[in-house]
Protein backbone atom coordinates (compact mmCIF):
# COMPACT_ATOMS: atom_id res chain seq x y z
CA MET A 1 -29.42 -8.10 4.02
CA SER A 2 -29.93 -7.21 7.70
CA ASN A 3 -26.15 -7.07 8.24
CA LEU A 4 -25.84 -4.65 5.35
CA VAL A 5 -28.58 -2.46 6.79
CA ILE A 6 -26.84 -2.39 10.19
CA LEU A 7 -23.51 -1.59 8.55
CA ALA A 8 -25.05 1.18 6.45
CA TYR A 9 -26.80 2.69 9.48
CA THR A 10 -23.59 2.57 11.52
CA CYS A 11 -21.63 4.28 8.75
CA ALA A 12 -24.35 6.92 8.40
CA SER A 13 -24.24 7.61 12.15
CA ILE A 14 -20.45 8.02 12.11
CA PHE A 15 -20.60 10.25 9.05
CA LEU A 16 -23.33 12.40 10.57
CA TYR A 17 -21.37 12.82 13.80
CA SER A 18 -18.18 13.70 11.89
CA PHE A 19 -20.12 16.27 9.87
CA LEU A 20 -21.96 17.83 12.80
CA LYS A 21 -18.96 18.20 15.10
CA HIS A 22 -17.54 20.81 12.72
CA MET A 23 -20.76 22.84 12.67
CA ASN A 24 -22.17 25.53 14.95
CA HIS A 25 -25.11 23.88 16.73
CA ARG A 26 -26.65 27.03 18.19
CA ALA A 27 -29.60 26.94 15.77
CA TRP A 28 -30.70 23.60 17.28
CA GLN A 29 -30.05 24.49 20.92
CA LEU A 30 -32.32 26.21 23.43
CA PRO A 31 -33.31 29.62 22.04
CA GLY A 32 -31.56 32.70 23.31
CA PRO A 33 -29.26 31.14 24.35
CA PRO A 34 -30.54 31.26 27.96
CA SER A 35 -29.01 33.86 30.25
CA ARG A 36 -29.73 32.09 33.56
CA LEU A 37 -30.60 28.41 33.38
CA LEU A 38 -31.78 26.38 36.36
CA LEU A 39 -31.14 22.63 36.14
CA VAL A 40 -33.36 20.77 38.60
CA THR A 41 -32.26 17.26 39.58
CA ALA A 42 -33.27 14.73 42.20
CA HIS A 43 -29.91 13.34 43.34
CA PRO A 44 -26.20 14.10 43.25
CA ASP A 45 -24.83 12.55 40.00
CA ASP A 46 -28.04 13.17 37.98
CA GLU A 47 -26.48 16.33 36.58
CA VAL A 48 -23.53 14.56 34.97
CA MET A 49 -25.10 11.20 34.12
CA PHE A 50 -28.05 12.67 32.24
CA PHE A 51 -27.46 16.36 31.47
CA GLY A 52 -23.70 16.42 30.82
CA PRO A 53 -23.79 17.32 27.10
CA MET A 54 -26.09 20.28 27.70
CA ILE A 55 -23.99 21.55 30.60
CA CYS A 56 -20.71 21.23 28.67
CA SER A 57 -22.15 22.96 25.61
CA LEU A 58 -23.58 25.88 27.56
CA ILE A 59 -20.44 26.34 29.65
CA HIS A 60 -18.34 26.27 26.48
CA GLY A 61 -20.63 28.87 24.90
CA GLY A 62 -19.79 31.30 27.70
CA VAL A 63 -23.18 33.06 27.64
CA THR A 64 -25.32 31.04 30.04
CA GLN A 65 -24.99 31.01 33.82
CA ILE A 66 -26.03 27.57 35.06
CA TYR A 67 -27.65 27.13 38.47
CA LEU A 68 -28.05 23.62 39.87
CA LEU A 69 -30.87 22.75 42.26
CA CYS A 70 -30.54 19.22 43.67
CA LEU A 71 -33.60 18.22 45.69
CA SER A 72 -31.92 15.60 47.90
CA MET A 73 -28.42 14.88 49.14
CA GLY A 74 -28.66 11.22 48.17
CA GLY A 75 -28.87 9.92 51.74
CA ASP A 76 -25.21 10.53 52.62
CA LYS A 77 -23.35 13.73 53.57
CA GLN A 78 -20.37 12.60 51.50
CA ARG A 79 -22.49 13.00 48.39
CA LYS A 80 -22.88 16.73 49.02
CA ASN A 81 -19.13 17.23 48.74
CA GLU A 82 -19.03 14.97 45.68
CA LEU A 83 -21.67 17.10 43.98
CA TRP A 84 -19.73 20.30 44.56
CA ALA A 85 -16.57 18.64 43.22
CA CYS A 86 -18.44 17.41 40.15
CA ALA A 87 -20.02 20.81 39.51
CA ASN A 88 -16.60 22.43 39.79
CA GLN A 89 -15.21 19.99 37.22
CA LEU A 90 -18.08 20.83 34.86
CA GLY A 91 -17.57 24.57 35.34
CA ILE A 92 -20.51 25.39 37.61
CA PRO A 93 -19.50 27.71 40.51
CA ASP A 94 -20.07 26.50 44.08
CA ALA A 95 -22.33 29.50 44.72
CA HIS A 96 -24.67 28.29 41.95
CA VAL A 97 -25.21 24.85 43.53
CA THR A 98 -28.04 24.33 46.03
CA ILE A 99 -28.80 21.03 47.76
CA VAL A 100 -32.17 20.72 49.47
CA MET A 101 -32.46 18.60 52.60
CA CYS A 102 -36.09 17.83 53.32
CA THR A 103 -37.62 14.79 55.01
CA GLU A 104 -40.52 14.92 52.57
CA MET A 105 -38.11 14.33 49.67
CA PRO A 106 -36.14 11.18 50.54
CA ASP A 107 -33.81 9.46 48.08
CA ASP A 108 -36.11 6.52 47.44
CA PRO A 109 -37.18 5.15 44.02
CA ALA A 110 -40.47 4.01 45.54
CA VAL A 111 -41.47 7.48 46.81
CA GLN A 112 -43.24 10.13 44.76
CA TRP A 113 -42.39 13.49 46.30
CA PRO A 114 -45.21 15.95 47.12
CA ASP A 115 -45.86 18.23 44.14
CA ASP A 116 -46.31 21.33 46.27
CA VAL A 117 -43.03 20.85 48.17
CA VAL A 118 -41.01 20.36 44.98
CA ALA A 119 -42.81 23.21 43.23
CA LYS A 120 -42.09 25.61 46.11
CA SER A 121 -38.33 24.93 45.94
CA ILE A 122 -38.25 25.42 42.18
CA LEU A 123 -40.32 28.60 42.19
CA GLN A 124 -38.23 30.15 44.97
CA HIS A 125 -35.11 29.60 42.87
CA VAL A 126 -36.69 30.94 39.70
CA GLU A 127 -37.80 34.14 41.42
CA SER A 128 -34.68 34.64 43.56
CA TYR A 129 -32.20 34.31 40.69
CA LYS A 130 -34.41 35.63 37.86
CA ILE A 131 -34.09 32.32 36.04
CA ASP A 132 -35.20 32.52 32.41
CA THR A 133 -34.92 28.79 31.63
CA VAL A 134 -35.66 25.69 33.70
CA VAL A 135 -34.55 22.22 32.56
CA THR A 136 -35.43 18.95 34.27
CA PHE A 137 -36.72 15.41 33.63
CA ASP A 138 -39.80 14.53 31.59
CA LYS A 139 -42.68 12.39 32.89
CA HIS A 140 -40.66 9.18 32.45
CA GLY A 141 -37.63 10.48 34.34
CA VAL A 142 -35.07 8.77 32.04
CA SER A 143 -34.98 5.73 34.33
CA SER A 144 -38.60 5.74 35.61
CA HIS A 145 -37.26 6.79 39.02
CA LYS A 146 -40.19 8.25 40.97
CA ASN A 147 -38.05 11.00 42.45
CA HIS A 148 -37.15 12.16 38.93
CA ILE A 149 -40.77 11.99 37.80
CA SER A 150 -41.88 14.01 40.84
CA ILE A 151 -40.02 17.03 39.48
CA TYR A 152 -41.92 16.84 36.20
CA TYR A 153 -45.28 16.80 37.96
CA ALA A 154 -44.26 19.76 40.11
CA ILE A 155 -43.32 21.68 36.96
CA ALA A 156 -46.62 20.64 35.39
CA MET A 157 -48.53 21.96 38.40
CA LEU A 158 -46.72 25.31 38.29
CA CYS A 159 -47.39 25.61 34.58
CA ILE A 160 -51.08 24.70 34.71
CA GLU A 161 -51.66 27.01 37.68
CA LYS A 162 -49.86 29.79 35.75
CA ARG A 163 -47.42 30.42 38.59
CA VAL A 164 -44.32 30.42 36.39
CA PRO A 165 -43.09 33.98 35.63
CA LEU A 166 -43.67 35.01 32.02
CA TYR A 167 -39.93 35.50 31.49
CA CYS A 168 -39.20 31.84 32.30
CA LYS A 169 -39.37 28.93 29.82
CA LEU A 170 -39.59 25.27 30.85
CA TYR A 171 -37.91 22.33 29.10
CA THR A 172 -37.61 18.61 29.78
CA LEU A 173 -34.98 16.04 28.89
CA GLU A 174 -36.35 13.40 26.51
CA THR A 175 -36.57 9.85 27.84
CA VAL A 176 -35.73 7.19 25.26
CA ASN A 177 -36.38 3.45 25.30
CA ILE A 178 -33.88 0.99 26.78
CA PHE A 179 -32.44 0.07 23.38
CA ARG A 180 -31.77 3.65 22.32
CA LYS A 181 -30.46 4.49 25.77
CA TYR A 182 -27.38 2.29 25.38
CA ILE A 183 -26.34 2.59 21.73
CA GLN A 184 -24.57 5.92 22.22
CA LEU A 185 -23.44 7.29 18.83
CA LEU A 186 -25.84 5.04 16.92
CA ASP A 187 -28.78 6.91 18.43
CA LEU A 188 -27.67 10.17 16.84
CA PRO A 189 -29.84 10.06 13.66
CA ILE A 190 -32.96 9.20 15.67
CA SER A 191 -32.17 11.79 18.35
CA LEU A 192 -31.92 14.60 15.84
CA LEU A 193 -35.44 13.82 14.66
CA SER A 194 -37.07 13.11 18.02
CA GLY A 195 -36.17 16.18 20.08
CA SER A 196 -37.05 19.82 19.42
CA TYR A 197 -33.66 20.95 20.72
CA TRP A 198 -30.41 19.04 21.07
CA TYR A 199 -26.88 19.28 22.37
CA LEU A 200 -24.10 17.18 20.86
CA ILE A 201 -20.58 17.12 22.26
CA SER A 202 -17.25 15.78 21.04
CA TYR A 203 -15.53 12.71 22.42
CA GLN A 204 -12.91 15.02 23.89
CA GLN A 205 -15.64 16.80 25.85
CA ARG A 206 -16.96 13.41 26.96
CA HIS A 207 -13.66 12.90 28.79
CA ASN A 208 -14.53 15.91 30.94
CA ILE A 209 -17.94 14.38 31.69
CA HIS A 210 -16.26 11.11 32.69
CA ASP A 211 -13.83 12.99 34.93
CA ALA A 212 -16.75 14.83 36.51
CA MET A 213 -18.59 11.58 37.16
CA LYS A 214 -15.51 10.19 38.91
CA LYS A 215 -15.92 12.95 41.51
CA HIS A 216 -18.98 10.99 42.68
CA ARG A 217 -16.66 8.40 44.17
CA SER A 218 -19.25 6.73 46.35
CA GLN A 219 -21.49 6.15 43.33
CA TYR A 220 -18.88 5.25 40.73
CA VAL A 221 -19.56 1.51 40.78
CA TRP A 222 -19.31 -0.92 37.87
CA PHE A 223 -22.80 -0.42 36.39
CA ARG A 224 -22.44 3.36 36.40
CA LYS A 225 -19.07 3.00 34.72
CA LEU A 226 -20.79 0.99 31.99
CA PHE A 227 -23.51 3.64 31.77
CA MET A 228 -20.90 6.34 31.22
CA VAL A 229 -19.33 4.31 28.40
CA PHE A 230 -22.42 3.22 26.50
CA SER A 231 -25.23 5.68 27.26
CA ARG A 232 -26.27 8.18 24.62
CA TYR A 233 -26.93 10.63 27.48
CA THR A 234 -23.16 11.13 27.74
CA LEU A 235 -22.99 12.24 24.10
CA ILE A 236 -26.29 13.88 23.22
CA ASN A 237 -29.19 15.51 25.05
CA THR A 238 -32.55 16.08 23.36
CA LEU A 239 -35.01 18.50 24.96
CA ASN A 240 -38.62 19.52 24.46
CA GLU A 241 -40.41 22.66 25.63
CA VAL A 242 -43.15 22.21 28.21
CA ASN A 243 -46.47 23.06 26.60
CA ILE A 244 -49.59 23.57 28.70
CA LEU A 245 -51.81 21.79 26.17
CA ASP A 246 -49.53 18.75 26.15
CA LEU A 247 -49.45 18.82 29.95
CA GLU A 248 -53.22 18.80 30.21
CA LEU A 249 -53.41 15.82 27.83
CA ASP A 250 -50.71 13.97 29.78
CA LEU A 251 -52.45 14.53 33.10
CA GLN A 252 -55.80 13.55 31.60
CA PHE A 253 -54.34 10.26 30.35
CA ASP A 254 -52.78 9.66 33.78
CA ASP A 255 -56.16 10.17 35.42
CA ASP A 256 -57.76 7.77 32.95
CA ASP A 257 -55.11 5.12 33.73
CA ASP A 258 -55.81 5.48 37.44
């Protein structure tokens, strides 16, 4: 019986993908669509490993200008050049890519970056480029990396302190559990139910994401190659809008845990 259930679910996932790839997905994507979107990441390669489907979809749509703010250079100058090469492959102009070099924001999974330092960089970009949409990690940071999570808490601080311009909306990439993270296409039915907004790309578009990831030559080691093959983040992105009430509950629970 369990084998039949697995087979039925697999067939349903394939059918759903085949059906959806012939549809216009705009109704399920970020509203607008955004005119100027700022993607905030922690390290070079975050943009393609985790946000590739959203980037490809928006670039293909031809309406949204994407700006990329990377808050560290990954500890090696070579990675700066790799990021520009990757962004170029994805269709993001060099002039729209900013890499921050700050000793208070080291590339270190054990370090939580200062909220105020991260928030200042984000807010400067939002105001300078009249950004109407910001997208970054949620409180779990996809991989529980503290640098990723730091960005979420900076966004939360800006939102709670009402420092975000009224014209700007904030969204976070949904973190899924380890099982869902590596079943790629089979996560599609669950993803469509779990996220408020989603971006689904074709397998042909995934080739472009793979080619972009290869530009990060220093990072393209065996386990990242496996990630690019099996991760659902290379096929679908699910996003949720940042809500101040949800933020206050999240932060309250965090304080209770402490």
